[in-house]
Amino acid sequence: MSGQKIGQLLDSLGVTLDLDEGDMPVDAHVLVKVVKAGGSVSLVKGASESLDWITALGMLTAALNIENGGYINARDEEQP
């Protein structure tokens, strides 16, 4: 099995990001649920070339916090 580019796959799955004008994405960590030909289900992980292990771990930890509702975006907080 060889590595495959997944941009078109992510597009076909309807993956979107909420980016503001001028934002510059620099790394990506992607988790994909795959149903194999025999019906078994697995998870496959992909990452951008420049993603190092410590940033990947930080991104996963942040994603868990976001999914569990423990993250508040500073832009969403009321200003005094």
N, C-alpha and C. Protein backbone atom coordinates (compact mmCIF):
# COMPACT_ATOMS: atom_id res chain seq x y z
N MET A 1 0.84 -1.18 0.00
CA MET A 1 0.00 0.00 0.00
C MET A 1 0.89 1.24 0.00
N SER A 2 0.60 2.16 -0.89
CA SER A 2 1.42 3.37 -0.98
C SER A 2 0.62 4.60 -0.56
N GLY A 3 1.34 5.65 -0.17
CA GLY A 3 0.69 6.90 0.21
C GLY A 3 -0.02 7.52 -0.98
N GLN A 4 -1.17 8.10 -0.73
CA GLN A 4 -1.95 8.73 -1.79
C GLN A 4 -2.30 10.16 -1.39
N LYS A 5 -2.30 11.07 -2.33
CA LYS A 5 -2.76 12.43 -2.10
C LYS A 5 -4.27 12.37 -1.85
N ILE A 6 -4.78 13.14 -0.88
CA ILE A 6 -6.18 13.00 -0.50
C ILE A 6 -7.01 14.27 -0.65
N GLY A 7 -6.45 15.30 -1.28
CA GLY A 7 -7.21 16.54 -1.44
C GLY A 7 -8.55 16.33 -2.10
N GLN A 8 -8.58 15.62 -3.21
CA GLN A 8 -9.82 15.38 -3.94
C GLN A 8 -10.77 14.51 -3.10
N LEU A 9 -10.23 13.56 -2.36
CA LEU A 9 -11.05 12.71 -1.49
C LEU A 9 -11.73 13.56 -0.42
N LEU A 10 -10.98 14.46 0.22
CA LEU A 10 -11.56 15.33 1.23
C LEU A 10 -12.64 16.23 0.63
N ASP A 11 -12.40 16.71 -0.58
CA ASP A 11 -13.42 17.51 -1.28
C ASP A 11 -14.69 16.69 -1.51
N SER A 12 -14.53 15.45 -1.96
CA SER A 12 -15.70 14.61 -2.25
C SER A 12 -16.48 14.25 -0.99
N LEU A 13 -15.80 14.24 0.17
CA LEU A 13 -16.48 13.97 1.43
C LEU A 13 -17.11 15.23 2.02
N GLY A 14 -16.88 16.37 1.39
CA GLY A 14 -17.47 17.62 1.84
C GLY A 14 -16.76 18.25 3.02
N VAL A 15 -15.47 17.96 3.19
CA VAL A 15 -14.71 18.54 4.30
C VAL A 15 -14.49 20.03 4.05
N THR A 16 -14.81 20.84 5.06
CA THR A 16 -14.63 22.28 4.96
C THR A 16 -13.91 22.80 6.20
N LEU A 17 -13.33 23.97 6.10
CA LEU A 17 -12.69 24.65 7.22
C LEU A 17 -13.23 26.06 7.31
N ASP A 18 -13.30 26.59 8.52
CA ASP A 18 -13.72 27.96 8.74
C ASP A 18 -12.47 28.83 8.83
N LEU A 19 -12.05 29.39 7.70
CA LEU A 19 -10.85 30.22 7.65
C LEU A 19 -11.22 31.65 7.32
N ASP A 20 -10.52 32.58 7.93
CA ASP A 20 -10.70 33.99 7.63
C ASP A 20 -9.74 34.40 6.52
N GLU A 21 -10.06 35.49 5.83
CA GLU A 21 -9.17 36.00 4.79
C GLU A 21 -7.81 36.31 5.41
N GLY A 22 -6.77 35.86 4.77
CA GLY A 22 -5.42 36.08 5.27
C GLY A 22 -4.88 34.94 6.14
N ASP A 23 -5.77 34.02 6.57
CA ASP A 23 -5.30 32.86 7.34
C ASP A 23 -4.41 32.00 6.45
N MET A 24 -3.36 31.43 7.03
CA MET A 24 -2.44 30.62 6.26
C MET A 24 -2.27 29.25 6.92
N PRO A 25 -3.01 28.23 6.46
CA PRO A 25 -2.83 26.89 7.01
C PRO A 25 -1.39 26.42 6.77
N VAL A 26 -0.78 25.83 7.79
CA VAL A 26 0.61 25.40 7.66
C VAL A 26 0.82 23.91 7.90
N ASP A 27 -0.09 23.26 8.60
CA ASP A 27 0.02 21.82 8.84
C ASP A 27 -1.36 21.21 8.87
N ALA A 28 -1.43 19.91 8.61
CA ALA A 28 -2.70 19.19 8.67
C ALA A 28 -2.47 17.81 9.26
N HIS A 29 -3.43 17.38 10.04
CA HIS A 29 -3.45 16.05 10.62
C HIS A 29 -4.85 15.50 10.34
N VAL A 30 -4.94 14.44 9.55
CA VAL A 30 -6.22 13.96 9.04
C VAL A 30 -6.48 12.55 9.53
N LEU A 31 -7.69 12.31 10.03
CA LEU A 31 -8.12 10.99 10.45
C LEU A 31 -9.29 10.59 9.56
N VAL A 32 -9.22 9.42 8.93
CA VAL A 32 -10.26 8.99 7.99
C VAL A 32 -10.77 7.61 8.38
N LYS A 33 -12.09 7.48 8.46
CA LYS A 33 -12.72 6.18 8.69
C LYS A 33 -12.84 5.49 7.35
N VAL A 34 -12.35 4.25 7.26
CA VAL A 34 -12.33 3.50 6.01
C VAL A 34 -13.07 2.19 6.19
N VAL A 35 -13.99 1.89 5.26
CA VAL A 35 -14.63 0.59 5.23
C VAL A 35 -13.91 -0.23 4.16
N LYS A 36 -13.29 -1.31 4.59
CA LYS A 36 -12.51 -2.17 3.69
C LYS A 36 -13.45 -2.99 2.80
N ALA A 37 -12.91 -3.57 1.73
CA ALA A 37 -13.69 -4.35 0.77
C ALA A 37 -14.43 -5.50 1.46
N GLY A 38 -13.84 -6.10 2.50
CA GLY A 38 -14.47 -7.21 3.22
C GLY A 38 -15.48 -6.76 4.25
N GLY A 39 -15.65 -5.45 4.42
CA GLY A 39 -16.64 -4.93 5.37
C GLY A 39 -16.07 -4.48 6.70
N SER A 40 -14.80 -4.77 6.97
CA SER A 40 -14.22 -4.32 8.23
C SER A 40 -13.99 -2.81 8.18
N VAL A 41 -13.94 -2.19 9.35
CA VAL A 41 -13.78 -0.75 9.45
C VAL A 41 -12.47 -0.44 10.16
N SER A 42 -11.75 0.55 9.65
CA SER A 42 -10.49 0.94 10.28
C SER A 42 -10.35 2.46 10.22
N LEU A 43 -9.38 2.98 10.95
CA LEU A 43 -9.02 4.38 10.90
C LEU A 43 -7.65 4.50 10.26
N VAL A 44 -7.51 5.50 9.41
CA VAL A 44 -6.24 5.77 8.74
C VAL A 44 -5.86 7.21 9.06
N LYS A 45 -4.59 7.43 9.38
CA LYS A 45 -4.10 8.75 9.74
C LYS A 45 -3.17 9.26 8.67
N GLY A 46 -3.31 10.53 8.34
CA GLY A 46 -2.41 11.18 7.40
C GLY A 46 -1.97 12.51 7.97
N ALA A 47 -0.86 13.02 7.48
CA ALA A 47 -0.35 14.31 7.97
C ALA A 47 0.42 15.00 6.86
N SER A 48 0.50 16.32 6.99
CA SER A 48 1.31 17.09 6.04
C SER A 48 2.78 16.75 6.25
N GLU A 49 3.57 16.96 5.21
CA GLU A 49 4.99 16.59 5.25
C GLU A 49 5.77 17.26 6.38
N SER A 50 5.41 18.50 6.69
CA SER A 50 6.19 19.25 7.68
C SER A 50 5.73 19.02 9.12
N LEU A 51 4.66 18.24 9.32
CA LEU A 51 4.12 18.04 10.67
C LEU A 51 5.05 17.16 11.49
N ASP A 52 5.57 17.73 12.60
CA ASP A 52 6.42 16.94 13.50
C ASP A 52 5.56 16.29 14.58
N TRP A 53 6.14 15.32 15.29
CA TRP A 53 5.36 14.53 16.23
C TRP A 53 4.81 15.35 17.38
N ILE A 54 5.53 16.33 17.85
CA ILE A 54 5.06 17.10 19.00
C ILE A 54 3.89 18.01 18.61
N THR A 55 3.94 18.57 17.41
CA THR A 55 2.82 19.38 16.93
C THR A 55 1.61 18.49 16.66
N ALA A 56 1.84 17.30 16.11
CA ALA A 56 0.75 16.35 15.86
C ALA A 56 0.06 15.98 17.18
N LEU A 57 0.84 15.73 18.21
CA LEU A 57 0.28 15.40 19.52
C LEU A 57 -0.52 16.58 20.07
N GLY A 58 0.01 17.78 19.92
CA GLY A 58 -0.70 18.97 20.38
C GLY A 58 -2.00 19.17 19.62
N MET A 59 -1.98 18.93 18.31
CA MET A 59 -3.19 19.08 17.51
C MET A 59 -4.25 18.06 17.92
N LEU A 60 -3.84 16.82 18.17
CA LEU A 60 -4.78 15.79 18.61
C LEU A 60 -5.38 16.13 19.97
N THR A 61 -4.55 16.63 20.88
CA THR A 61 -5.01 17.02 22.20
C THR A 61 -6.00 18.18 22.10
N ALA A 62 -5.68 19.17 21.27
CA ALA A 62 -6.58 20.29 21.07
C ALA A 62 -7.90 19.82 20.45
N ALA A 63 -7.83 18.91 19.49
CA ALA A 63 -9.04 18.40 18.85
C ALA A 63 -9.94 17.70 19.87
N LEU A 64 -9.35 16.94 20.78
CA LEU A 64 -10.13 16.30 21.83
C LEU A 64 -10.82 17.33 22.71
N ASN A 65 -10.11 18.38 23.08
CA ASN A 65 -10.70 19.44 23.90
C ASN A 65 -11.83 20.14 23.16
N ILE A 66 -11.64 20.41 21.88
CA ILE A 66 -12.68 21.07 21.09
C ILE A 66 -13.91 20.17 21.00
N GLU A 67 -13.71 18.89 20.69
CA GLU A 67 -14.83 17.95 20.56
C GLU A 67 -15.56 17.75 21.88
N ASN A 68 -14.85 17.84 22.99
CA ASN A 68 -15.46 17.64 24.31
C ASN A 68 -16.00 18.94 24.90
N GLY A 69 -15.95 20.03 24.14
CA GLY A 69 -16.53 21.29 24.58
C GLY A 69 -15.68 22.07 25.56
N GLY A 70 -14.41 21.75 25.68
CA GLY A 70 -13.56 22.42 26.65
C GLY A 70 -12.74 23.55 26.08
N TYR A 71 -13.03 23.97 24.86
CA TYR A 71 -12.24 25.01 24.21
C TYR A 71 -13.14 26.20 23.92
N ILE A 72 -12.65 27.39 24.24
CA ILE A 72 -13.38 28.61 23.93
C ILE A 72 -12.50 29.46 23.02
N ASN A 73 -13.03 29.79 21.85
CA ASN A 73 -12.29 30.60 20.91
C ASN A 73 -12.26 32.04 21.42
N ALA A 74 -11.09 32.63 21.49
CA ALA A 74 -10.94 33.99 22.01
C ALA A 74 -11.79 34.98 21.22
N ARG A 75 -11.99 34.75 19.94
CA ARG A 75 -12.82 35.64 19.11
C ARG A 75 -14.27 35.62 19.55
N ASP A 76 -14.71 34.49 20.14
CA ASP A 76 -16.11 34.33 20.53
C ASP A 76 -16.42 34.92 21.91
N GLU A 77 -15.38 35.23 22.70
CA GLU A 77 -15.60 35.80 24.02
C GLU A 77 -16.02 37.25 23.90
N GLU A 78 -16.87 37.68 24.82
CA GLU A 78 -17.30 39.07 24.80
C GLU A 78 -16.15 39.98 25.25
N GLN A 79 -16.02 41.10 24.58
CA GLN A 79 -15.00 42.08 24.92
C GLN A 79 -15.54 43.01 26.00
N PRO A 80 -14.75 43.37 27.04
CA PRO A 80 -15.23 44.28 28.09
C PRO A 80 -15.45 45.68 27.59
